[in-house]
Protein backbone atom coordinates (compact mmCIF):
# COMPACT_ATOMS: atom_id res chain seq x y z
CA MET A 1 0.09 -0.01 0.10
CA LEU A 2 1.39 3.48 -0.84
CA ALA A 3 0.02 6.46 0.74
CA ALA A 4 -0.29 9.77 -1.39
CA GLY A 5 0.82 13.13 -0.30
CA PRO A 6 -1.24 16.24 0.55
CA ALA A 7 -4.55 17.25 -1.12
CA LEU A 8 -4.79 17.16 -4.95
CA ALA A 9 -5.01 20.76 -6.52
CA ASN A 10 -6.85 20.77 -9.93
CA GLU A 11 -4.64 21.26 -12.95
CA ALA A 12 -4.52 24.70 -14.52
CA GLY A 13 -7.12 26.05 -12.47
CA VAL A 14 -9.80 23.66 -13.94
CA SER A 15 -12.63 22.98 -11.15
CA CYS A 16 -15.36 20.82 -11.16
CA LYS A 17 -17.14 23.71 -9.00
CA THR A 18 -17.16 25.87 -12.12
CA SER A 19 -18.88 23.25 -14.39
CA HIS A 20 -22.14 24.70 -16.00
CA ASN A 21 -23.51 20.92 -15.73
CA LEU A 22 -23.70 20.71 -11.96
CA VAL A 23 -27.18 20.35 -10.41
CA ALA A 24 -26.23 20.32 -6.66
CA ALA A 25 -23.47 21.20 -4.21
CA CYS A 26 -20.36 19.14 -4.07
CA PHE A 27 -20.10 16.51 -1.22
CA ALA A 28 -17.43 14.42 0.40
CA VAL A 29 -17.24 10.49 -0.32
CA HIS A 30 -15.02 7.98 1.30
CA GLY A 31 -14.51 5.33 -1.26
CA ARG A 32 -12.56 3.13 -3.77
CA LEU A 33 -11.82 4.68 -6.91
CA PHE A 34 -11.28 1.70 -9.57
CA MET A 35 -11.38 1.36 -13.47
CA ALA A 36 -14.33 -0.59 -14.40
CA GLY A 37 -15.21 -2.22 -17.74
CA GLY A 38 -15.35 -0.27 -21.20
CA GLY A 39 -12.62 2.30 -19.63
CA HIS A 40 -15.17 3.83 -16.92
CA VAL A 41 -13.68 5.41 -13.77
CA ARG A 42 -15.95 4.57 -10.87
CA ILE A 43 -16.02 5.38 -7.03
CA GLU A 44 -17.56 2.65 -4.96
CA TRP A 45 -18.92 4.88 -2.01
CA LEU A 46 -18.05 2.69 0.94
CA GLY A 47 -20.74 2.05 3.51
CA GLU A 48 -23.47 3.67 1.30
CA GLY A 49 -23.84 0.77 -1.41
CA ARG A 50 -23.63 3.30 -4.26
CA VAL A 51 -21.35 3.81 -7.30
CA LEU A 52 -20.36 7.02 -8.65
CA ASP A 53 -19.40 7.16 -12.36
CA VAL A 54 -16.52 9.76 -12.74
CA ARG A 55 -16.79 11.98 -15.56
CA ASP A 56 -14.62 14.87 -17.01
CA ARG A 57 -14.66 18.14 -15.05
CA GLN A 58 -16.54 20.44 -17.49
CA SER A 59 -18.16 18.32 -20.04
CA ARG A 60 -19.51 15.10 -18.45
CA ALA A 61 -17.66 12.96 -20.82
CA GLN A 62 -15.65 10.12 -20.38
CA GLY A 63 -12.16 10.81 -21.68
CA GLY A 64 -9.71 13.67 -21.15
CA GLU A 65 -9.30 14.99 -17.79
CA ILE A 66 -11.23 12.50 -15.72
CA VAL A 67 -9.16 12.37 -12.55
CA PRO A 68 -6.41 14.57 -11.07
CA ASP A 69 -2.91 13.67 -12.29
CA LEU A 70 -1.51 12.19 -8.96
CA VAL A 71 -4.62 9.81 -9.01
CA GLN A 72 -4.09 9.06 -12.69
CA ARG A 73 -0.37 7.88 -12.14
CA THR A 74 -1.45 5.39 -9.43
CA LEU A 75 -4.76 4.04 -11.17
CA SER A 76 -4.70 1.12 -13.47
CA PRO A 77 -6.94 -1.91 -14.19
CA SER A 78 -5.19 -3.81 -11.55
CA THR A 79 -4.94 -1.03 -8.85
CA ASP A 80 -7.63 0.48 -6.78
CA VAL A 81 -7.21 4.07 -5.33
CA TYR A 82 -8.77 4.27 -1.58
CA GLY A 83 -9.15 7.72 0.06
CA ASP A 84 -11.48 10.74 0.59
CA PHE A 85 -13.05 12.13 -2.49
CA LEU A 86 -14.82 15.72 -2.79
CA VAL A 87 -17.08 14.95 -5.63
CA CYS A 88 -19.76 17.28 -7.50
CA PRO A 89 -22.79 15.77 -9.01
CA PHE A 90 -23.85 15.96 -12.67
CA ASP A 91 -27.48 14.37 -11.97
CA ARG A 92 -29.63 14.53 -9.03
CA GLY A 93 -29.42 11.18 -8.01
CA PRO A 94 -28.57 7.61 -8.55
CA ARG A 95 -30.16 5.63 -11.68
CA ALA A 96 -29.63 1.95 -10.77
CA ASN A 97 -27.38 3.16 -7.67
CA VAL A 98 -25.28 5.14 -9.98
CA GLN A 99 -24.66 8.93 -10.00
CA ALA A 100 -22.57 10.77 -12.39
CA VAL A 101 -19.87 13.15 -10.68
CA CYS A 102 -16.68 14.83 -11.19
CA ILE A 103 -13.72 14.74 -8.92
CA GLU A 104 -12.94 18.18 -7.06
CA ASP A 105 -10.21 17.02 -4.70
CA ALA A 106 -8.69 13.76 -3.19
CA THR A 107 -7.12 13.40 0.17
CA GLY A 108 -5.69 10.52 2.13
CA LEU A 109 -4.97 8.19 -0.72
CA SER A 110 -3.72 4.78 -0.65
CA THR A 111 -3.31 2.00 -3.38
CA ARG A 112 -4.09 -1.57 -3.36
CA ARG A 113 -3.47 -4.17 -6.04
CA ARG A 114 -6.56 -6.32 -6.95
């Protein structure tokens, strides 16, 4: 297990909080970030039984700038990233227990191989 350093700053001033696609306030989640099938990045919200579908910070799309650089360097199909994530919602509630979000910040990170 590898512990990460301080809070992650968003690159080049890009922020979830400024997206025109947000539908509510950002919220904190303790969870497991992982790569799912089809190249999707997801957060299993530990203790809540929900899954968050991580999207690009501005466009809601998969691809591009999905997760902060430090997280991207440690995330792989065989590695999960655990920590506290500040996420901002793109839809009002889970559909089939999945909600679209972007990651504003992440702290207390550690990695585990699957």
